[in-house]
Amino acid sequence: PTSRETAELAGQLQIPLLPEEGEWELDVAV
């Protein structure tokens, strides 16, 4: 998530999240 707001909504929608301090290689960003 790019914000706390998005993280909260993702949690409500049960979208699994990666750790904020992780080293990501993302396929796509929307």
PDB file of all heavy atoms in Angstrom:
ATOM      1  N   PRO A   1       0.816  -1.202   0.000  1.00  0.00           N
ATOM      2  CA  PRO A   1       0.000   0.000   0.000  1.00  0.00           C
ATOM      3  C   PRO A   1       0.858   1.263   0.000  1.00  0.00           C
ATOM      4  O   PRO A   1       1.948   1.282   0.582  1.00  0.00           O
ATOM      5  CB  PRO A   1      -0.788  -0.115   1.310  1.00  0.00           C
ATOM      6  CG  PRO A   1       0.131  -0.874   2.219  1.00  0.00           C
ATOM      7  CD  PRO A   1       0.875  -1.834   1.329  1.00  0.00           C
ATOM      8  N   THR A   2       0.360   2.311  -0.646  1.00  0.00           N
ATOM      9  CA  THR A   2       1.098   3.575  -0.717  1.00  0.00           C
ATOM     10  C   THR A   2       0.672   4.570   0.357  1.00  0.00           C
ATOM     11  O   THR A   2       1.179   5.688   0.397  1.00  0.00           O
ATOM     12  CB  THR A   2       0.914   4.225  -2.097  1.00  0.00           C
ATOM     13  OG1 THR A   2      -0.492   4.364  -2.360  1.00  0.00           O
ATOM     14  CG2 THR A   2       1.559   3.385  -3.180  1.00  0.00           C
ATOM     15  N   SER A   3      -0.247   4.182   1.218  1.00  0.00           N
ATOM     16  CA  SER A   3      -0.692   5.073   2.290  1.00  0.00           C
ATOM     17  C   SER A   3      -1.371   4.259   3.381  1.00  0.00           C
ATOM     18  O   SER A   3      -1.771   3.112   3.163  1.00  0.00           O
ATOM     19  CB  SER A   3      -1.672   6.124   1.758  1.00  0.00           C
ATOM     20  OG  SER A   3      -2.868   5.502   1.306  1.00  0.00           O
ATOM     21  N   ARG A   4      -1.500   4.865   4.548  1.00  0.00           N
ATOM     22  CA  ARG A   4      -2.239   4.214   5.625  1.00  0.00           C
ATOM     23  C   ARG A   4      -3.696   4.013   5.226  1.00  0.00           C
ATOM     24  O   ARG A   4      -4.312   2.998   5.555  1.00  0.00           O
ATOM     25  CB  ARG A   4      -2.148   5.064   6.891  1.00  0.00           C
ATOM     26  CG  ARG A   4      -0.755   5.139   7.493  1.00  0.00           C
ATOM     27  CD  ARG A   4      -0.689   6.142   8.614  1.00  0.00           C
ATOM     28  NE  ARG A   4       0.694   6.311   9.091  1.00  0.00           N
ATOM     29  CZ  ARG A   4       1.093   7.332   9.820  1.00  0.00           C
ATOM     30  NH1 ARG A   4       0.232   8.278  10.171  1.00  0.00           N
ATOM     31  NH2 ARG A   4       2.364   7.416  10.219  1.00  0.00           N
ATOM     32  N   GLU A   5      -4.224   4.994   4.517  1.00  0.00           N
ATOM     33  CA  GLU A   5      -5.615   4.895   4.044  1.00  0.00           C
ATOM     34  C   GLU A   5      -5.818   3.656   3.183  1.00  0.00           C
ATOM     35  O   GLU A   5      -6.773   2.890   3.359  1.00  0.00           O
ATOM     36  CB  GLU A   5      -5.972   6.160   3.258  1.00  0.00           C
ATOM     37  CG  GLU A   5      -7.315   6.144   2.570  1.00  0.00           C
ATOM     38  CD  GLU A   5      -7.503   7.327   1.647  1.00  0.00           C
ATOM     39  OE1 GLU A   5      -6.855   8.375   1.853  1.00  0.00           O
ATOM     40  OE2 GLU A   5      -8.301   7.201   0.698  1.00  0.00           O
ATOM     41  N   THR A   6      -4.894   3.442   2.248  1.00  0.00           N
ATOM     42  CA  THR A   6      -4.987   2.273   1.378  1.00  0.00           C
ATOM     43  C   THR A   6      -4.774   0.986   2.166  1.00  0.00           C
ATOM     44  O   THR A   6      -5.454  -0.020   1.924  1.00  0.00           O
ATOM     45  CB  THR A   6      -3.965   2.377   0.237  1.00  0.00           C
ATOM     46  OG1 THR A   6      -4.319   3.485  -0.604  1.00  0.00           O
ATOM     47  CG2 THR A   6      -3.924   1.121  -0.608  1.00  0.00           C
ATOM     48  N   ALA A   7      -3.845   1.003   3.109  1.00  0.00           N
ATOM     49  CA  ALA A   7      -3.593  -0.186   3.922  1.00  0.00           C
ATOM     50  C   ALA A   7      -4.840  -0.574   4.718  1.00  0.00           C
ATOM     51  O   ALA A   7      -5.170  -1.765   4.839  1.00  0.00           O
ATOM     52  CB  ALA A   7      -2.419   0.060   4.862  1.00  0.00           C
ATOM     53  N   GLU A   8      -5.544   0.417   5.243  1.00  0.00           N
ATOM     54  CA  GLU A   8      -6.766   0.142   6.005  1.00  0.00           C
ATOM     55  C   GLU A   8      -7.840  -0.474   5.117  1.00  0.00           C
ATOM     56  O   GLU A   8      -8.494  -1.456   5.498  1.00  0.00           O
ATOM     57  CB  GLU A   8      -7.275   1.426   6.661  1.00  0.00           C
ATOM     58  CG  GLU A   8      -6.383   1.923   7.798  1.00  0.00           C
ATOM     59  CD  GLU A   8      -6.832   3.267   8.341  1.00  0.00           C
ATOM     60  OE1 GLU A   8      -7.890   3.772   7.866  1.00  0.00           O
ATOM     61  OE2 GLU A   8      -6.140   3.811   9.217  1.00  0.00           O
ATOM     62  N   LEU A   9      -8.019   0.099   3.917  1.00  0.00           N
ATOM     63  CA  LEU A   9      -9.027  -0.441   3.009  1.00  0.00           C
ATOM     64  C   LEU A   9      -8.642  -1.843   2.554  1.00  0.00           C
ATOM     65  O   LEU A   9      -9.494  -2.739   2.476  1.00  0.00           O
ATOM     66  CB  LEU A   9      -9.203   0.482   1.803  1.00  0.00           C
ATOM     67  CG  LEU A   9     -10.238   0.048   0.758  1.00  0.00           C
ATOM     68  CD1 LEU A   9     -11.606  -0.186   1.389  1.00  0.00           C
ATOM     69  CD2 LEU A   9     -10.338   1.079  -0.366  1.00  0.00           C
ATOM     70  N   ALA A  10      -7.365  -2.062   2.278  1.00  0.00           N
ATOM     71  CA  ALA A  10      -6.913  -3.392   1.872  1.00  0.00           C
ATOM     72  C   ALA A  10      -7.177  -4.412   2.975  1.00  0.00           C
ATOM     73  O   ALA A  10      -7.573  -5.554   2.701  1.00  0.00           O
ATOM     74  CB  ALA A  10      -5.425  -3.362   1.524  1.00  0.00           C
ATOM     75  N   GLY A  11      -6.983  -3.998   4.217  1.00  0.00           N
ATOM     76  CA  GLY A  11      -7.269  -4.900   5.321  1.00  0.00           C
ATOM     77  C   GLY A  11      -8.731  -5.267   5.388  1.00  0.00           C
ATOM     78  O   GLY A  11      -9.088  -6.433   5.609  1.00  0.00           O
ATOM     79  N   GLN A  12      -9.602  -4.278   5.177  1.00  0.00           N
ATOM     80  CA  GLN A  12     -11.045  -4.535   5.193  1.00  0.00           C
ATOM     81  C   GLN A  12     -11.442  -5.485   4.072  1.00  0.00           C
ATOM     82  O   GLN A  12     -12.371  -6.297   4.235  1.00  0.00           O
ATOM     83  CB  GLN A  12     -11.809  -3.213   5.064  1.00  0.00           C
ATOM     84  CG  GLN A  12     -11.624  -2.263   6.222  1.00  0.00           C
ATOM     85  CD  GLN A  12     -12.175  -0.877   5.933  1.00  0.00           C
ATOM     86  OE1 GLN A  12     -12.927  -0.684   4.980  1.00  0.00           O
ATOM     87  NE2 GLN A  12     -11.790   0.098   6.739  1.00  0.00           N
ATOM     88  N   LEU A  13     -10.728  -5.398   2.944  1.00  0.00           N
ATOM     89  CA  LEU A  13     -11.054  -6.227   1.779  1.00  0.00           C
ATOM     90  C   LEU A  13     -10.294  -7.544   1.775  1.00  0.00           C
ATOM     91  O   LEU A  13     -10.418  -8.315   0.827  1.00  0.00           O
ATOM     92  CB  LEU A  13     -10.748  -5.443   0.498  1.00  0.00           C
ATOM     93  CG  LEU A  13     -11.555  -4.160   0.294  1.00  0.00           C
ATOM     94  CD1 LEU A  13     -11.013  -3.371  -0.887  1.00  0.00           C
ATOM     95  CD2 LEU A  13     -13.031  -4.466   0.101  1.00  0.00           C
ATOM     96  N   GLN A  14      -9.507  -7.774   2.824  1.00  0.00           N
ATOM     97  CA  GLN A  14      -8.726  -9.013   2.963  1.00  0.00           C
ATOM     98  C   GLN A  14      -7.742  -9.202   1.807  1.00  0.00           C
ATOM     99  O   GLN A  14      -7.545 -10.314   1.305  1.00  0.00           O
ATOM    100  CB  GLN A  14      -9.658 -10.225   3.118  1.00  0.00           C
ATOM    101  CG  GLN A  14     -10.560 -10.137   4.339  1.00  0.00           C
ATOM    102  CD  GLN A  14     -11.444 -11.362   4.544  1.00  0.00           C
ATOM    103  OE1 GLN A  14     -11.505 -12.248   3.693  1.00  0.00           O
ATOM    104  NE2 GLN A  14     -12.121 -11.414   5.672  1.00  0.00           N
ATOM    105  N   ILE A  15      -7.117  -8.092   1.408  1.00  0.00           N
ATOM    106  CA  ILE A  15      -6.047  -8.144   0.417  1.00  0.00           C
ATOM    107  C   ILE A  15      -4.735  -8.344   1.172  1.00  0.00           C
ATOM    108  O   ILE A  15      -4.352  -7.490   1.977  1.00  0.00           O
ATOM    109  CB  ILE A  15      -5.983  -6.852  -0.425  1.00  0.00           C
ATOM    110  CG1 ILE A  15      -7.301  -6.632  -1.180  1.00  0.00           C
ATOM    111  CG2 ILE A  15      -4.810  -6.888  -1.391  1.00  0.00           C
ATOM    112  CD1 ILE A  15      -7.392  -5.286  -1.885  1.00  0.00           C
ATOM    113  N   PRO A  16      -4.029  -9.452   0.983  1.00  0.00           N
ATOM    114  CA  PRO A  16      -2.782  -9.694   1.721  1.00  0.00           C
ATOM    115  C   PRO A  16      -1.731  -8.630   1.369  1.00  0.00           C
ATOM    116  O   PRO A  16      -1.572  -8.255   0.206  1.00  0.00           O
ATOM    117  CB  PRO A  16      -2.342 -11.073   1.237  1.00  0.00           C
ATOM    118  CG  PRO A  16      -3.558 -11.696   0.635  1.00  0.00           C
ATOM    119  CD  PRO A  16      -4.365 -10.582   0.087  1.00  0.00           C
ATOM    120  N   LEU A  17      -1.010  -8.157   2.392  1.00  0.00           N
ATOM    121  CA  LEU A  17      -0.022  -7.107   2.207  1.00  0.00           C
ATOM    122  C   LEU A  17       1.380  -7.600   2.549  1.00  0.00           C
ATOM    123  O   LEU A  17       1.565  -8.387   3.476  1.00  0.00           O
ATOM    124  CB  LEU A  17      -0.363  -5.893   3.078  1.00  0.00           C
ATOM    125  CG  LEU A  17      -1.707  -5.223   2.817  1.00  0.00           C
ATOM    126  CD1 LEU A  17      -1.897  -4.048   3.777  1.00  0.00           C
ATOM    127  CD2 LEU A  17      -1.825  -4.752   1.373  1.00  0.00           C
ATOM    128  N   LEU A  18       2.353  -7.095   1.801  1.00  0.00           N
ATOM    129  CA  LEU A  18       3.756  -7.350   2.105  1.00  0.00           C
ATOM    130  C   LEU A  18       4.228  -6.368   3.178  1.00  0.00           C
ATOM    131  O   LEU A  18       3.651  -5.285   3.332  1.00  0.00           O
ATOM    132  CB  LEU A  18       4.601  -7.184   0.842  1.00  0.00           C
ATOM    133  CG  LEU A  18       4.324  -8.153  -0.309  1.00  0.00           C
ATOM    134  CD1 LEU A  18       5.144  -7.761  -1.529  1.00  0.00           C
ATOM    135  CD2 LEU A  18       4.640  -9.580   0.112  1.00  0.00           C
ATOM    136  N   PRO A  19       5.292  -6.688   3.919  1.00  0.00           N
ATOM    137  CA  PRO A  19       5.823  -5.764   4.935  1.00  0.00           C
ATOM    138  C   PRO A  19       6.245  -4.435   4.296  1.00  0.00           C
ATOM    139  O   PRO A  19       6.862  -4.418   3.222  1.00  0.00           O
ATOM    140  CB  PRO A  19       7.024  -6.513   5.505  1.00  0.00           C
ATOM    141  CG  PRO A  19       6.769  -7.948   5.199  1.00  0.00           C
ATOM    142  CD  PRO A  19       6.029  -7.968   3.904  1.00  0.00           C
ATOM    143  N   GLU A  20       5.934  -3.321   4.961  1.00  0.00           N
ATOM    144  CA  GLU A  20       6.274  -2.009   4.418  1.00  0.00           C
ATOM    145  C   GLU A  20       7.778  -1.838   4.241  1.00  0.00           C
ATOM    146  O   GLU A  20       8.231  -1.127   3.343  1.00  0.00           O
ATOM    147  CB  GLU A  20       5.738  -0.901   5.328  1.00  0.00           C
ATOM    148  CG  GLU A  20       4.236  -0.744   5.289  1.00  0.00           C
ATOM    149  CD  GLU A  20       3.774   0.481   6.061  1.00  0.00           C
ATOM    150  OE1 GLU A  20       4.631   1.199   6.616  1.00  0.00           O
ATOM    151  OE2 GLU A  20       2.552   0.722   6.096  1.00  0.00           O
ATOM    152  N   GLU A  21       8.567  -2.455   5.102  1.00  0.00           N
ATOM    153  CA  GLU A  21      10.011  -2.297   5.037  1.00  0.00           C
ATOM    154  C   GLU A  21      10.676  -3.435   4.265  1.00  0.00           C
ATOM    155  O   GLU A  21      11.884  -3.658   4.394  1.00  0.00           O
ATOM    156  CB  GLU A  21      10.581  -2.191   6.453  1.00  0.00           C
ATOM    157  CG  GLU A  21      10.069  -0.962   7.199  1.00  0.00           C
ATOM    158  CD  GLU A  21      10.684  -0.802   8.574  1.00  0.00           C
ATOM    159  OE1 GLU A  21      11.592  -1.581   8.918  1.00  0.00           O
ATOM    160  OE2 GLU A  21      10.249   0.103   9.299  1.00  0.00           O
ATOM    161  N   GLY A  22       9.905  -4.148   3.483  1.00  0.00           N
ATOM    162  CA  GLY A  22      10.451  -5.241   2.696  1.00  0.00           C
ATOM    163  C   GLY A  22      11.185  -4.754   1.457  1.00  0.00           C
ATOM    164  O   GLY A  22      11.114  -3.586   1.078  1.00  0.00           O
ATOM    165  N   GLU A  23      11.902  -5.666   0.843  1.00  0.00           N
ATOM    166  CA  GLU A  23      12.575  -5.376  -0.430  1.00  0.00           C
ATOM    167  C   GLU A  23      11.739  -6.008  -1.531  1.00  0.00           C
ATOM    168  O   GLU A  23      11.817  -7.195  -1.796  1.00  0.00           O
ATOM    169  CB  GLU A  23      13.988  -5.959  -0.419  1.00  0.00           C
ATOM    170  CG  GLU A  23      14.793  -5.612  -1.668  1.00  0.00           C
ATOM    171  CD  GLU A  23      16.222  -6.133  -1.598  1.00  0.00           C
ATOM    172  OE1 GLU A  23      16.657  -6.511  -0.496  1.00  0.00           O
ATOM    173  OE2 GLU A  23      16.891  -6.167  -2.643  1.00  0.00           O
ATOM    174  N   TRP A  24      10.896  -5.175  -2.174  1.00  0.00           N
ATOM    175  CA  TRP A  24       9.929  -5.719  -3.123  1.00  0.00           C
ATOM    176  C   TRP A  24      10.461  -5.645  -4.554  1.00  0.00           C
ATOM    177  O   TRP A  24      11.197  -4.741  -4.902  1.00  0.00           O
ATOM    178  CB  TRP A  24       8.604  -4.940  -3.090  1.00  0.00           C
ATOM    179  CG  TRP A  24       8.256  -4.319  -1.791  1.00  0.00           C
ATOM    180  CD1 TRP A  24       7.910  -4.951  -0.630  1.00  0.00           C
ATOM    181  CD2 TRP A  24       8.190  -2.916  -1.508  1.00  0.00           C
ATOM    182  NE1 TRP A  24       7.642  -4.044   0.348  1.00  0.00           N
ATOM    183  CE2 TRP A  24       7.798  -2.785  -0.156  1.00  0.00           C
ATOM    184  CE3 TRP A  24       8.401  -1.767  -2.253  1.00  0.00           C
ATOM    185  CZ2 TRP A  24       7.627  -1.547   0.459  1.00  0.00           C
ATOM    186  CZ3 TRP A  24       8.245  -0.541  -1.654  1.00  0.00           C
ATOM    187  CH2 TRP A  24       7.861  -0.439  -0.315  1.00  0.00           C
ATOM    188  N   GLU A  25      10.012  -6.607  -5.346  1.00  0.00           N
ATOM    189  CA  GLU A  25      10.132  -6.533  -6.799  1.00  0.00           C
ATOM    190  C   GLU A  25       8.727  -6.726  -7.330  1.00  0.00           C
ATOM    191  O   GLU A  25       8.254  -7.843  -7.493  1.00  0.00           O
ATOM    192  CB  GLU A  25      11.097  -7.600  -7.325  1.00  0.00           C
ATOM    193  CG  GLU A  25      12.542  -7.373  -6.925  1.00  0.00           C
ATOM    194  CD  GLU A  25      13.484  -8.388  -7.541  1.00  0.00           C
ATOM    195  OE1 GLU A  25      13.018  -9.168  -8.396  1.00  0.00           O
ATOM    196  OE2 GLU A  25      14.665  -8.386  -7.168  1.00  0.00           O
ATOM    197  N   LEU A  26       8.038  -5.628  -7.560  1.00  0.00           N
ATOM    198  CA  LEU A  26       6.622  -5.661  -7.883  1.00  0.00           C
ATOM    199  C   LEU A  26       6.403  -5.919  -9.368  1.00  0.00           C
ATOM    200  O   LEU A  26       7.132  -5.397 -10.222  1.00  0.00           O
ATOM    201  CB  LEU A  26       5.958  -4.346  -7.482  1.00  0.00           C
ATOM    202  CG  LEU A  26       6.128  -3.932  -6.018  1.00  0.00           C
ATOM    203  CD1 LEU A  26       5.447  -2.593  -5.767  1.00  0.00           C
ATOM    204  CD2 LEU A  26       5.572  -4.992  -5.075  1.00  0.00           C
ATOM    205  N   ASP A  27       5.389  -6.706  -9.655  1.00  0.00           N
ATOM    206  CA  ASP A  27       5.037  -6.949 -11.056  1.00  0.00           C
ATOM    207  C   ASP A  27       4.366  -5.728 -11.669  1.00  0.00           C
ATOM    208  O   ASP A  27       4.612  -5.381 -12.828  1.00  0.00           O
ATOM    209  CB  ASP A  27       4.094  -8.160 -11.146  1.00  0.00           C
ATOM    210  CG  ASP A  27       4.767  -9.424 -10.661  1.00  0.00           C
ATOM    211  OD1 ASP A  27       5.712  -9.887 -11.331  1.00  0.00           O
ATOM    212  OD2 ASP A  27       4.365  -9.952  -9.602  1.00  0.00           O
ATOM    213  N   VAL A  28       3.523  -5.075 -10.893  1.00  0.00           N
ATOM    214  CA  VAL A  28       2.760  -3.947 -11.408  1.00  0.00           C
ATOM    215  C   VAL A  28       2.341  -3.061 -10.242  1.00  0.00           C
ATOM    216  O   VAL A  28       2.153  -3.545  -9.117  1.00  0.00           O
ATOM    217  CB  VAL A  28       1.511  -4.451 -12.185  1.00  0.00           C
ATOM    218  CG1 VAL A  28       0.592  -5.248 -11.282  1.00  0.00           C
ATOM    219  CG2 VAL A  28       0.759  -3.316 -12.849  1.00  0.00           C
ATOM    220  N   ALA A  29       2.236  -1.775 -10.490  1.00  0.00           N
ATOM    221  CA  ALA A  29       1.650  -0.837  -9.542  1.00  0.00           C
ATOM    222  C   ALA A  29       0.492  -0.146 -10.235  1.00  0.00           C
ATOM    223  O   ALA A  29       0.564   0.181 -11.424  1.00  0.00           O
ATOM    224  CB  ALA A  29       2.675   0.197  -9.073  1.00  0.00           C
ATOM    225  N   VAL A  30      -0.591   0.057  -9.484  1.00  0.00           N
ATOM    226  CA  VAL A  30      -1.794   0.684 -10.028  1.00  0.00           C
ATOM    227  C   VAL A  30      -2.104   1.910  -9.184  1.00  0.00           C
ATOM    228  O   VAL A  30      -2.229   1.821  -7.962  1.00  0.00           O
ATOM    229  CB  VAL A  30      -2.991  -0.290 -10.010  1.00  0.00           C
ATOM    230  CG1 VAL A  30      -4.237   0.389 -10.566  1.00  0.00           C
ATOM    231  CG2 VAL A  30      -2.668  -1.548 -10.806  1.00  0.00           C
TER     232      VAL A  30
END
